[in-house]
N, C-alpha and C. Protein backbone atom coordinates (compact mmCIF):
# COMPACT_ATOMS: atom_id res chain seq x y z
N MET A 1 1.14 -0.75 -0.10
CA MET A 1 0.05 0.48 -0.33
C MET A 1 0.92 1.03 0.17
N ARG A 2 1.61 1.25 1.06
CA ARG A 2 2.62 2.75 1.05
C ARG A 2 3.46 2.32 -0.20
N ARG A 3 3.70 1.63 -0.96
CA ARG A 3 4.84 1.25 -2.00
C ARG A 3 3.94 2.20 -3.48
N ALA A 4 2.81 1.62 -3.81
CA ALA A 4 1.72 2.26 -4.43
C ALA A 4 1.60 3.78 -4.48
N ARG A 5 1.36 4.42 -3.23
CA ARG A 5 1.30 5.90 -2.62
C ARG A 5 2.30 6.65 -2.94
N GLY A 6 3.37 5.90 -2.60
CA GLY A 6 4.64 6.82 -3.55
C GLY A 6 4.94 6.56 -4.76
N ILE A 7 4.43 6.00 -5.46
CA ILE A 7 4.64 5.62 -6.82
C ILE A 7 3.61 7.17 -7.22
N GLY A 8 2.63 7.06 -7.10
CA GLY A 8 1.48 8.31 -7.24
C GLY A 8 2.19 9.51 -7.34
N LEU A 9 2.82 9.49 -5.98
CA LEU A 9 3.50 10.90 -5.30
C LEU A 9 4.31 11.29 -6.63
N GLY A 10 5.15 10.10 -7.01
CA GLY A 10 6.19 10.39 -7.75
C GLY A 10 5.64 10.81 -9.18
N ALA A 11 5.01 10.11 -9.67
CA ALA A 11 3.75 10.61 -11.02
C ALA A 11 3.35 12.44 -10.58
N ALA A 12 2.25 12.26 -9.94
CA ALA A 12 1.92 13.55 -9.50
C ALA A 12 3.34 14.88 -9.88
N LEU A 13 4.06 14.75 -8.98
CA LEU A 13 5.10 15.94 -9.26
C LEU A 13 6.14 15.85 -10.69
N ALA A 14 6.05 14.59 -11.19
CA ALA A 14 6.48 14.71 -12.82
C ALA A 14 5.57 15.60 -13.38
N LEU A 15 4.18 15.55 -13.31
CA LEU A 15 3.40 16.24 -13.86
C LEU A 15 3.19 17.68 -13.87
N LEU A 16 3.36 17.90 -12.48
CA LEU A 16 3.55 19.35 -11.88
C LEU A 16 5.02 20.15 -12.97
N LEU A 17 5.38 19.44 -12.76
CA LEU A 17 7.20 20.04 -13.02
C LEU A 17 7.13 20.15 -14.82
N GLY A 18 6.19 18.95 -15.56
CA GLY A 18 6.17 19.10 -17.15
C GLY A 18 5.33 20.34 -17.37
N ALA A 19 3.98 20.46 -16.15
CA ALA A 19 3.28 21.79 -16.75
C ALA A 19 3.89 22.93 -16.22
N CYS A 20 4.80 23.40 -15.50
CA CYS A 20 4.90 24.42 -14.94
C CYS A 20 6.39 24.69 -16.03
N SER A 21 7.02 23.68 -16.63
CA SER A 21 8.07 24.04 -17.43
C SER A 21 7.22 24.60 -18.82
N ALA A 22 6.12 23.67 -19.44
CA ALA A 22 5.41 24.08 -20.74
C ALA A 22 5.06 25.50 -20.77
N SER A 23 4.47 25.99 -19.32
CA SER A 23 4.00 27.18 -19.03
C SER A 23 5.10 28.51 -19.48
N SER A 24 6.44 28.20 -19.05
CA SER A 24 7.30 28.98 -18.79
C SER A 24 8.27 29.36 -20.30
N GLY A 25 7.88 28.76 -20.99
CA GLY A 25 8.05 28.89 -22.69
C GLY A 25 9.78 28.20 -22.54
N GLY A 26 10.12 26.87 -21.11
CA GLY A 26 11.14 26.58 -21.21
C GLY A 26 11.56 25.79 -22.54
N GLY A 27 10.43 24.84 -23.01
CA GLY A 27 10.80 23.87 -24.31
C GLY A 27 11.40 24.34 -25.49
N PRO A 28 11.93 23.70 -26.30
CA PRO A 28 12.88 24.38 -27.55
C PRO A 28 11.74 24.86 -28.26
N GLY A 29 12.49 26.03 -28.78
CA GLY A 29 11.66 27.22 -30.05
C GLY A 29 10.07 27.38 -28.65
N GLY A 30 10.32 27.70 -27.81
CA GLY A 30 9.35 28.46 -26.91
C GLY A 30 9.57 30.02 -27.17
N VAL A 31 8.42 30.44 -26.90
CA VAL A 31 8.58 32.36 -26.62
C VAL A 31 8.02 32.41 -25.16
N GLY A 32 9.28 33.13 -24.60
CA GLY A 32 8.97 33.36 -23.29
C GLY A 32 8.22 34.47 -22.86
N PRO A 33 8.12 35.33 -21.65
CA PRO A 33 7.72 36.97 -21.70
C PRO A 33 8.44 37.69 -23.07
N GLY A 34 7.94 38.68 -22.78
CA GLY A 34 8.97 40.06 -23.69
C GLY A 34 9.13 39.86 -24.85
N GLY A 35 9.12 38.37 -25.80
CA GLY A 35 8.70 38.49 -26.89
C GLY A 35 10.47 36.95 -26.86
N VAL A 36 11.04 36.39 -25.92
CA VAL A 36 12.75 36.57 -25.91
C VAL A 36 12.12 34.77 -25.47
N ASP A 37 13.01 34.16 -26.98
CA ASP A 37 12.35 32.50 -27.27
C ASP A 37 13.62 32.04 -25.73
N ALA A 38 13.42 30.90 -25.86
CA ALA A 38 14.16 30.00 -24.53
C ALA A 38 15.73 30.33 -25.15
N SER A 39 16.54 30.94 -25.90
CA SER A 39 18.04 30.89 -26.31
C SER A 39 18.19 32.30 -25.97
N GLY A 40 17.39 33.16 -25.13
CA GLY A 40 17.71 34.33 -24.95
C GLY A 40 18.02 35.65 -25.88
N GLU A 41 17.08 35.04 -27.24
CA GLU A 41 16.98 36.06 -28.34
C GLU A 41 15.94 36.40 -29.00
N GLY A 42 15.58 37.73 -28.76
CA GLY A 42 13.96 38.14 -29.00
C GLY A 42 13.67 38.08 -30.63
N SER A 43 12.14 37.29 -30.47
CA SER A 43 11.83 36.76 -31.78
C SER A 43 11.22 37.93 -32.48
N ALA A 44 11.09 39.03 -32.65
CA ALA A 44 10.92 40.47 -32.88
C ALA A 44 12.30 41.26 -33.39
N PRO A 45 12.48 41.27 -34.73
CA PRO A 45 13.71 41.61 -35.34
C PRO A 45 13.31 43.48 -34.64
N ALA A 46 14.61 44.00 -34.91
CA ALA A 46 14.47 45.66 -34.31
C ALA A 46 14.21 46.03 -35.48
N ASP A 47 14.12 47.24 -35.15
CA ASP A 47 12.81 48.27 -36.22
C ASP A 47 14.44 49.19 -36.57
N ALA A 48 14.81 48.78 -37.54
CA ALA A 48 16.12 49.31 -37.98
C ALA A 48 15.84 50.75 -38.77
N SER A 49 14.53 50.90 -39.33
CA SER A 49 14.55 52.14 -39.26
C SER A 49 14.85 53.28 -38.37
N SER A 50 14.61 52.85 -37.36
CA SER A 50 14.93 54.36 -35.93
C SER A 50 16.45 54.35 -36.26
N GLY A 51 16.84 53.72 -36.50
CA GLY A 51 18.89 54.07 -36.69
C GLY A 51 19.04 54.41 -37.55
N THR A 52 17.95 54.18 -38.20
CA THR A 52 18.42 54.81 -40.13
C THR A 52 17.99 56.66 -39.98
N ASP A 53 16.59 56.52 -39.43
CA ASP A 53 16.29 57.55 -39.34
C ASP A 53 17.23 58.75 -38.11
N ALA A 54 17.79 58.22 -37.27
CA ALA A 54 18.42 59.02 -35.84
C ALA A 54 19.90 59.23 -37.33
N ALA A 55 20.62 58.47 -37.60
CA ALA A 55 21.37 58.69 -38.63
C ALA A 55 21.31 60.17 -40.20
N HIS A 56 20.48 59.40 -39.92
CA HIS A 56 19.85 60.61 -41.18
C HIS A 56 19.98 62.03 -40.90
N ASP A 57 19.00 62.19 -39.39
CA ASP A 57 18.71 63.27 -39.02
C ASP A 57 20.02 63.54 -38.21
N VAL A 58 21.35 63.41 -37.90
CA VAL A 58 22.47 63.50 -37.42
C VAL A 58 23.46 64.05 -38.71
N GLY A 59 23.53 63.13 -39.49
CA GLY A 59 23.69 63.73 -41.31
C GLY A 59 23.32 65.32 -41.79
N ALA A 60 21.45 65.16 -41.30
CA ALA A 60 21.39 66.11 -42.05
C ALA A 60 22.00 67.68 -41.13
N SER A 61 21.75 67.42 -39.86
CA SER A 61 22.32 68.64 -38.90
C SER A 61 23.36 69.09 -39.27
N GLY A 62 24.61 67.70 -39.56
CA GLY A 62 25.55 68.29 -39.70
C GLY A 62 25.76 68.78 -41.15
N ALA A 63 25.05 68.65 -42.14
CA ALA A 63 24.76 69.74 -43.50
C ALA A 63 24.21 71.13 -43.41
N ASP A 64 23.63 71.12 -41.99
CA ASP A 64 23.12 72.29 -42.01
C ASP A 64 23.80 73.24 -41.26
N GLY A 65 24.67 72.64 -40.29
CA GLY A 65 25.88 73.26 -39.91
C GLY A 65 27.07 73.94 -40.65
N ALA A 66 27.27 73.03 -42.13
CA ALA A 66 28.28 73.60 -42.76
C ALA A 66 27.83 74.47 -43.40
N GLY A 67 26.14 74.41 -44.24
CA GLY A 67 25.53 75.65 -45.15
C GLY A 67 25.74 76.45 -44.34
N GLY A 68 25.39 76.31 -42.44
CA GLY A 68 25.39 77.83 -42.22
C GLY A 68 26.74 78.70 -41.96
N ALA A 69 27.78 77.95 -41.53
CA ALA A 69 29.20 78.61 -42.21
C ALA A 69 29.04 78.77 -43.08
N LEU A 70 28.45 78.85 -44.38
CA LEU A 70 29.04 79.07 -46.20
C LEU A 70 28.03 80.53 -46.11
N ASP A 71 26.75 80.14 -45.13
CA ASP A 71 25.84 81.16 -45.66
C ASP A 71 26.44 82.48 -45.14
N GLY A 72 27.30 82.26 -43.47
CA GLY A 72 27.35 83.36 -42.82
C GLY A 72 27.98 84.65 -43.06
N GLY A 73 28.49 84.84 -44.80
CA GLY A 73 29.40 85.77 -45.13
C GLY A 73 30.61 85.61 -44.89
N PRO A 74 31.24 86.62 -45.01
CA PRO A 74 32.53 86.75 -44.99
C PRO A 74 33.32 86.54 -43.43
N THR A 75 34.29 85.77 -43.34
CA THR A 75 34.90 85.08 -41.95
C THR A 75 35.45 86.44 -41.73
N ASP A 76 36.03 86.92 -40.32
CA ASP A 76 36.75 87.71 -39.81
C ASP A 76 38.10 87.63 -40.31
N ALA A 77 38.64 86.83 -40.76
CA ALA A 77 40.05 86.72 -41.32
C ALA A 77 39.79 87.41 -42.55
N VAL A 78 39.16 87.09 -43.28
CA VAL A 78 38.77 87.40 -44.67
C VAL A 78 38.72 89.34 -44.18
N ALA A 79 38.02 89.69 -43.73
CA ALA A 79 37.60 91.07 -43.40
C ALA A 79 38.94 91.90 -42.61
N ASP A 80 39.62 90.97 -41.98
CA ASP A 80 40.44 91.56 -41.78
C ASP A 80 41.86 91.88 -42.66
N ALA A 81 41.87 90.87 -43.81
CA ALA A 81 42.59 91.51 -44.89
C ALA A 81 42.15 92.10 -45.95
N GLN A 82 40.48 92.22 -45.88
CA GLN A 82 40.60 93.49 -46.76
C GLN A 82 40.67 94.87 -46.19
N GLU A 83 40.92 94.92 -44.50
CA GLU A 83 41.40 96.16 -43.83
C GLU A 83 42.99 96.26 -44.17
N ALA A 84 43.55 95.65 -44.21
CA ALA A 84 45.08 95.32 -44.23
C ALA A 84 45.11 95.46 -45.40
N ALA A 85 44.92 95.81 -46.37
CA ALA A 85 44.91 95.87 -47.85
C ALA A 85 45.41 97.35 -47.98
N PRO A 86 46.31 97.29 -49.12
CA PRO A 86 47.32 98.60 -48.80
C PRO A 86 46.18 99.62 -49.53
N ALA A 87 46.42 100.84 -49.17
CA ALA A 87 45.70 101.88 -50.00
C ALA A 87 45.88 101.89 -51.68
N PRO A 88 45.24 102.91 -51.94
CA PRO A 88 45.92 102.67 -53.30
C PRO A 88 46.55 103.66 -54.00
N THR A 89 47.41 103.87 -55.16
CA THR A 89 48.20 104.95 -55.29
C THR A 89 48.19 104.59 -56.73
N CYS A 90 48.52 106.18 -57.33
CA CYS A 90 48.55 107.10 -58.85
C CYS A 90 49.15 107.85 -58.98
N GLY A 91 48.72 108.24 -59.60
CA GLY A 91 49.81 109.84 -60.32
C GLY A 91 50.43 109.42 -60.96
N PRO A 92 51.83 110.54 -60.94
CA PRO A 92 53.47 110.10 -62.22
C PRO A 92 53.66 109.37 -61.35
N PRO A 93 54.45 108.57 -62.26
CA PRO A 93 55.51 108.18 -61.62
C PRO A 93 56.51 108.43 -60.75
N PRO A 94 57.18 107.62 -59.67
CA PRO A 94 56.41 106.47 -58.94
C PRO A 94 55.13 106.59 -58.39
N ASN A 95 54.44 106.16 -58.67
CA ASN A 95 52.71 106.28 -57.85
C ASN A 95 53.24 107.77 -56.93
N ARG A 96 53.19 108.62 -57.56
CA ARG A 96 53.23 109.85 -56.87
C ARG A 96 52.20 110.22 -55.52
N PHE A 97 50.68 109.70 -55.40
CA PHE A 97 50.08 110.20 -54.45
C PHE A 97 49.74 108.78 -53.99
N THR A 98 48.94 108.62 -52.71
CA THR A 98 48.44 107.73 -51.96
C THR A 98 47.32 108.13 -51.54
N ILE A 99 45.64 107.16 -51.74
CA ILE A 99 44.49 107.94 -51.53
C ILE A 99 44.20 107.19 -49.91
N LEU A 100 44.26 108.13 -48.90
CA LEU A 100 44.18 106.96 -47.75
C LEU A 100 42.84 106.91 -47.49
N ASN A 101 42.51 106.35 -46.49
CA ASN A 101 41.43 105.56 -45.75
C ASN A 101 41.30 105.81 -44.43
N GLY A 102 40.15 105.05 -43.59
CA GLY A 102 40.01 105.08 -42.33
C GLY A 102 39.65 106.41 -42.16
N ALA A 103 40.31 106.95 -40.86
CA ALA A 103 40.29 108.03 -40.08
C ALA A 103 40.51 108.87 -40.64
N ASP A 104 41.18 109.15 -42.02
CA ASP A 104 42.13 109.92 -43.48
C ASP A 104 41.29 110.07 -44.65
N ALA A 105 40.30 109.16 -44.32
CA ALA A 105 39.10 109.28 -45.55
C ALA A 105 39.15 111.11 -46.24
N GLY A 106 39.16 111.06 -47.36
CA GLY A 106 38.93 112.03 -48.03
C GLY A 106 40.81 113.25 -48.02
N LEU A 107 41.33 112.54 -47.59
CA LEU A 107 42.69 112.52 -47.95
C LEU A 107 43.37 111.92 -48.63
N VAL A 108 44.75 113.09 -49.32
CA VAL A 108 45.62 112.38 -50.17
C VAL A 108 47.58 112.54 -49.54
N ARG A 109 47.90 112.02 -49.34
CA ARG A 109 49.30 111.93 -49.44
C ARG A 109 50.57 111.77 -50.87
N ASP A 110 51.04 113.46 -50.57
CA ASP A 110 52.11 113.29 -51.66
C ASP A 110 53.19 112.64 -51.39
N ASN A 111 53.18 111.49 -51.80
CA ASN A 111 54.29 110.19 -51.31
C ASN A 111 56.23 110.75 -51.74
N VAL A 112 56.28 112.02 -52.42
CA VAL A 112 57.40 112.95 -52.03
C VAL A 112 58.00 113.92 -51.62
N THR A 113 56.92 114.48 -50.92
CA THR A 113 56.73 115.44 -50.11
C THR A 113 56.03 115.17 -48.69
N GLN A 114 55.59 114.03 -48.61
CA GLN A 114 55.12 113.64 -47.67
C GLN A 114 53.70 114.51 -47.27
N LEU A 115 53.62 115.64 -47.83
CA LEU A 115 52.35 116.63 -46.87
C LEU A 115 51.47 116.09 -47.46
N VAL A 116 50.25 116.17 -46.85
CA VAL A 116 48.85 115.25 -46.86
C VAL A 116 47.49 116.67 -47.09
N TRP A 117 47.18 116.39 -48.47
CA TRP A 117 45.97 117.11 -48.98
C TRP A 117 44.92 116.73 -48.93
N MET A 118 43.81 117.64 -48.33
CA MET A 118 42.38 117.04 -48.83
C MET A 118 42.33 116.90 -50.78
N HIS A 119 40.66 116.47 -50.27
CA HIS A 119 41.05 114.95 -51.95
C HIS A 119 40.56 116.61 -52.81
N ASP A 120 39.87 117.34 -52.36
CA ASP A 120 39.14 118.28 -53.06
C ASP A 120 38.81 119.78 -52.50
N SER A 121 38.63 120.85 -53.44
CA SER A 121 38.79 122.07 -52.41
C SER A 121 37.22 122.29 -52.00
N VAL A 122 37.42 123.44 -50.99
CA VAL A 122 36.16 123.94 -50.66
C VAL A 122 35.66 125.78 -50.55
N GLY A 123 34.45 125.92 -50.52
CA GLY A 123 34.17 126.87 -51.27
C GLY A 123 34.05 127.73 -52.38
N GLY A 124 34.53 128.69 -52.32
CA GLY A 124 34.56 129.81 -53.75
C GLY A 124 33.47 129.80 -54.33
N GLN A 125 32.09 129.60 -53.92
CA GLN A 125 30.75 130.56 -54.29
C GLN A 125 30.57 131.90 -53.91
N GLN A 126 30.14 132.28 -54.85
CA GLN A 126 29.87 133.87 -54.69
C GLN A 126 29.05 134.34 -53.63
N THR A 127 28.29 132.81 -52.87
CA THR A 127 27.28 133.48 -51.75
C THR A 127 28.00 132.96 -50.65
N SER A 128 29.39 132.49 -50.70
CA SER A 128 29.88 132.25 -49.67
C SER A 128 31.14 132.74 -49.74
N GLN A 129 31.70 133.78 -49.11
CA GLN A 129 32.83 134.60 -48.99
C GLN A 129 34.04 134.00 -48.55
N GLN A 130 34.59 133.06 -49.29
CA GLN A 130 35.39 132.05 -48.92
C GLN A 130 37.00 133.28 -48.65
N THR A 131 36.53 134.12 -47.79
CA THR A 131 38.05 135.33 -47.68
C THR A 131 39.51 134.13 -47.27
N GLN A 132 40.50 135.22 -47.50
CA GLN A 132 41.77 134.17 -47.03
C GLN A 132 41.67 133.95 -45.77
N PRO A 133 41.05 135.09 -44.39
CA PRO A 133 41.17 134.72 -42.89
C PRO A 133 39.98 133.38 -43.00
N LEU A 134 38.94 133.76 -43.54
CA LEU A 134 37.94 132.09 -43.27
C LEU A 134 38.65 131.33 -44.09
N ALA A 135 38.79 131.04 -44.96
CA ALA A 135 39.69 129.62 -45.39
C ALA A 135 41.03 129.32 -44.46
N SER A 136 41.83 130.50 -43.75
CA SER A 136 42.72 129.99 -42.51
C SER A 136 42.12 129.30 -41.65
N THR A 137 40.84 129.78 -40.86
CA THR A 137 40.37 129.45 -40.28
C THR A 137 38.95 128.36 -39.66
N TYR A 138 39.13 127.97 -41.62
CA TYR A 138 38.52 126.44 -41.78
C TYR A 138 39.44 125.68 -41.90
N CYS A 139 40.56 125.60 -42.83
CA CYS A 139 41.70 124.76 -42.01
C CYS A 139 42.31 124.35 -41.00
N THR A 140 42.58 125.21 -40.25
CA THR A 140 42.66 125.28 -38.57
C THR A 140 41.88 124.86 -37.87
N GLY A 141 40.80 124.54 -38.21
CA GLY A 141 39.45 123.65 -37.56
C GLY A 141 39.69 122.39 -38.13
N ARG A 142 40.12 121.89 -38.98
CA ARG A 142 40.56 120.72 -39.25
C ARG A 142 41.87 119.97 -39.04
N GLY A 143 42.42 120.53 -38.43
CA GLY A 143 44.20 120.07 -37.77
C GLY A 143 44.86 120.72 -38.72
N MET A 144 44.39 121.34 -40.17
CA MET A 144 45.16 121.73 -41.09
C MET A 144 45.70 122.87 -41.55
N ARG A 145 46.36 122.95 -42.37
CA ARG A 145 46.67 124.98 -42.61
C ARG A 145 46.22 125.40 -44.23
N LEU A 146 46.84 126.76 -44.41
CA LEU A 146 47.04 126.57 -46.03
C LEU A 146 48.08 126.28 -46.46
N PRO A 147 48.18 126.13 -47.66
CA PRO A 147 49.31 125.81 -47.95
C PRO A 147 49.82 127.44 -48.27
N THR A 148 51.43 127.38 -48.67
CA THR A 148 52.10 128.39 -49.25
C THR A 148 51.69 128.17 -50.92
N GLU A 149 52.17 129.13 -51.61
CA GLU A 149 52.25 129.36 -52.89
C GLU A 149 53.05 128.10 -53.91
N ASP A 150 54.27 128.27 -53.17
CA ASP A 150 55.18 127.14 -54.21
C ASP A 150 54.41 126.00 -53.38
N GLU A 151 54.12 125.42 -52.75
CA GLU A 151 53.47 124.10 -52.62
C GLU A 151 52.45 123.78 -52.91
N ALA A 152 51.23 125.33 -53.14
CA ALA A 152 50.07 124.49 -53.99
C ALA A 152 50.62 124.58 -55.58
N LEU A 153 51.50 125.64 -55.91
CA LEU A 153 52.40 125.11 -57.53
C LEU A 153 52.84 123.92 -57.88
N ALA A 154 53.45 123.29 -56.78
CA ALA A 154 54.28 122.17 -56.89
C ALA A 154 53.39 120.79 -56.96
N LEU A 155 51.81 120.98 -55.98
CA LEU A 155 51.08 120.09 -56.06
C LEU A 155 50.05 120.35 -57.63
N ALA A 156 50.01 121.58 -58.50
CA ALA A 156 49.04 121.28 -59.34
C ALA A 156 50.32 120.70 -60.67
N ALA A 157 51.62 120.88 -60.28
CA ALA A 157 52.55 120.26 -61.82
C ALA A 157 52.25 119.17 -61.68
N ALA A 158 51.89 118.60 -60.43
CA ALA A 158 51.58 116.93 -60.28
C ALA A 158 50.33 116.65 -60.08
N TYR A 159 49.35 116.66 -61.04
CA TYR A 159 48.36 117.19 -60.60
C TYR A 159 47.36 115.59 -61.48
N ALA A 160 46.76 115.10 -60.86
CA ALA A 160 46.53 113.61 -61.18
C ALA A 160 44.81 113.70 -60.80
N SER A 161 43.74 113.23 -61.69
CA SER A 161 42.63 113.45 -61.59
C SER A 161 42.40 112.24 -60.77
N CYS A 162 43.19 111.21 -60.70
CA CYS A 162 42.76 110.00 -60.07
C CYS A 162 42.87 110.14 -58.35
N ALA A 163 43.54 111.26 -57.75
CA ALA A 163 43.22 111.37 -56.48
C ALA A 163 42.67 113.23 -56.28
N PHE A 164 42.86 114.07 -57.20
CA PHE A 164 42.34 114.84 -56.69
C PHE A 164 41.06 115.54 -57.99
N GLY A 165 40.18 116.38 -57.02
CA GLY A 165 38.95 117.23 -57.97
C GLY A 165 40.04 118.32 -58.61
N GLN A 166 39.32 119.44 -59.14
CA GLN A 166 39.71 120.52 -60.59
C GLN A 166 39.75 121.52 -58.72
N TRP A 167 40.63 121.39 -58.10
CA TRP A 167 40.48 122.87 -56.45
C TRP A 167 41.27 123.34 -57.52
N GLY A 168 40.88 124.47 -56.22
CA GLY A 168 41.62 125.92 -56.46
C GLY A 168 41.47 126.54 -54.90
N THR A 169 42.54 126.90 -54.59
CA THR A 169 43.15 127.75 -52.97
C THR A 169 43.82 128.84 -53.12
N TRP A 170 43.57 129.90 -51.80
CA TRP A 170 43.86 130.24 -50.77
C TRP A 170 44.82 129.93 -50.38
N THR A 171 46.38 130.80 -50.55
CA THR A 171 47.11 130.70 -50.18
C THR A 171 47.60 131.26 -48.94
N SER A 172 48.63 130.98 -48.32
CA SER A 172 49.31 132.08 -47.29
C SER A 172 50.13 132.87 -46.99
N THR A 173 50.55 132.66 -49.01
CA THR A 173 51.47 133.85 -49.42
C THR A 173 50.87 135.25 -49.54
N ASP A 174 51.40 136.12 -48.97
CA ASP A 174 50.67 137.55 -48.92
C ASP A 174 51.43 138.44 -50.86
N VAL A 175 51.01 139.62 -50.95
CA VAL A 175 51.68 139.85 -51.99
C VAL A 175 51.92 140.73 -50.59
N ALA A 176 53.45 141.67 -50.78
CA ALA A 176 53.61 142.40 -49.84
C ALA A 176 53.02 144.08 -50.42
N GLY A 177 52.73 144.32 -49.07
CA GLY A 177 52.06 145.75 -49.28
C GLY A 177 50.91 146.04 -49.81
N SER A 178 50.03 144.80 -50.58
CA SER A 178 49.02 145.15 -51.14
C SER A 178 47.77 144.95 -50.25
N GLY A 179 47.80 143.91 -49.61
CA GLY A 179 46.45 143.49 -48.69
C GLY A 179 46.28 142.28 -49.57
N ASP A 180 46.67 142.00 -50.42
CA ASP A 180 46.22 140.67 -51.47
C ASP A 180 46.97 139.62 -50.96
N ALA A 181 46.76 138.21 -52.00
CA ALA A 181 47.59 137.12 -51.05
C ALA A 181 46.88 136.24 -52.44
N TRP A 182 47.79 135.12 -51.97
CA TRP A 182 48.45 134.52 -53.67
C TRP A 182 46.73 133.31 -54.02
N VAL A 183 46.31 133.21 -55.07
CA VAL A 183 45.54 132.05 -54.96
C VAL A 183 46.00 131.22 -56.23
N VAL A 184 45.75 129.75 -55.93
CA VAL A 184 46.40 128.80 -57.01
C VAL A 184 45.32 128.42 -57.44
N ASP A 185 45.44 127.05 -58.65
CA ASP A 185 44.44 126.06 -58.93
C ASP A 185 45.28 125.49 -59.30
N TYR A 186 44.42 123.87 -60.40
CA TYR A 186 44.79 123.05 -60.23
C TYR A 186 45.71 122.81 -61.61
N LEU A 187 45.48 124.04 -62.52
CA LEU A 187 46.42 124.20 -63.39
C LEU A 187 47.61 124.73 -63.30
N GLY A 188 47.79 125.35 -62.42
CA GLY A 188 49.08 126.10 -61.78
C GLY A 188 48.99 127.64 -62.37
N ASP A 189 47.96 128.05 -62.16
CA ASP A 189 47.54 129.51 -62.47
C ASP A 189 47.68 129.73 -61.07
N ALA A 190 48.48 131.14 -61.04
CA ALA A 190 48.60 131.80 -59.64
C ALA A 190 47.97 132.89 -60.08
N SER A 191 46.96 134.08 -58.60
CA SER A 191 46.53 135.36 -58.95
C SER A 191 47.01 135.77 -58.10
N PRO A 192 47.73 137.15 -57.80
CA PRO A 192 47.13 138.07 -56.49
C PRO A 192 45.54 138.13 -56.08
N GLN A 193 44.96 138.56 -55.21
CA GLN A 193 43.68 138.86 -54.77
C GLN A 193 43.39 139.07 -53.83
N LEU A 194 42.37 139.78 -53.57
CA LEU A 194 42.29 140.91 -52.22
C LEU A 194 42.13 139.56 -51.18
N ALA A 195 42.38 139.72 -50.30
CA ALA A 195 42.89 138.64 -49.14
C ALA A 195 41.08 138.90 -48.22
N ASP A 196 40.85 140.05 -47.96
CA ASP A 196 39.21 140.26 -47.42
C ASP A 196 38.28 139.86 -47.81
N ASN A 197 38.19 139.99 -49.33
CA ASN A 197 37.13 139.81 -50.04
C ASN A 197 36.74 139.26 -51.23
N PHE A 198 37.59 138.39 -51.80
CA PHE A 198 37.58 137.37 -52.75
C PHE A 198 37.25 136.21 -52.22
N PRO A 199 36.14 135.57 -53.02
CA PRO A 199 35.13 134.82 -52.83
C PRO A 199 36.24 133.37 -53.24
N SER A 200 37.69 132.87 -52.74
CA SER A 200 38.29 131.60 -53.72
C SER A 200 37.99 130.86 -52.77
N ALA A 201 38.50 129.72 -53.37
CA ALA A 201 38.01 128.23 -52.58
C ALA A 201 39.06 127.65 -52.02
N VAL A 202 39.03 126.96 -50.81
CA VAL A 202 40.32 126.41 -50.29
C VAL A 202 40.84 124.72 -50.27
N LEU A 203 41.76 124.02 -50.35
CA LEU A 203 42.72 123.14 -50.34
C LEU A 203 43.60 123.47 -49.06
N CYS A 204 42.79 122.58 -47.78
CA CYS A 204 43.91 122.37 -46.64
C CYS A 204 44.98 121.72 -47.33
N VAL A 205 46.11 121.90 -46.27
CA VAL A 205 47.36 120.56 -46.34
C VAL A 205 47.72 120.53 -45.03
N ARG A 206 48.58 119.39 -44.74
CA ARG A 206 48.65 118.59 -43.13
C ARG A 206 50.12 118.66 -43.38
N ASP A 207 51.24 118.72 -42.25
CA ASP A 207 52.74 119.09 -42.38
C ASP A 207 52.68 117.48 -41.89
N PRO A 208 54.20 117.17 -42.53
CA PRO A 208 53.99 114.83 -42.58
C PRO A 208 54.56 114.92 -40.94
N LYS A 209 53.82 113.78 -40.18
CA LYS A 209 53.71 113.18 -38.89
C LYS A 209 55.43 113.33 -38.71
N GLY A 210 55.66 114.02 -37.51
CA GLY A 210 57.21 114.09 -36.78
C GLY A 210 57.32 112.97 -36.15
């Protein structure tokens, strides 16, 4: 009797173990929780499109970054190179005049005398009596001075339209005992004019920096 009961208990235990094994997917080819088979490998293939999309997004952003650099205009290095470019020169050999820029825009340096001149004269209209005293005051206000007659004549002799307008100017050279002063123009013509009443223009000059 005891022997028969022992056999029955063993058979029941075997059936219970078999049932547990089947329900847990432990059998060959069985699928367990989460889609993982008995070998530990997932039954559903990974979504390859997610990796591809991520790679595409990274590539696109990289391309956009490169495009941004290209669309951003000149780099600082290019701008610095442009600013550092030498000022243009022109006129009788060997390039008599230098066209200045920056803080000296509107001025021209004579590379022979090193004097710095205005690009063009101002004044000279009948409605604006640019007398010699007023012309002198104007130049002083610009940190410059009236040219002498000789300086103005030397500039006229080397005239270059690439550097100067068609200027005329009072000079600081007076005609002794007459109340007149010399007026010179870009053609090299010089004439004495009444210093306190003639409406001549003025082309100011600055001495070389020491």
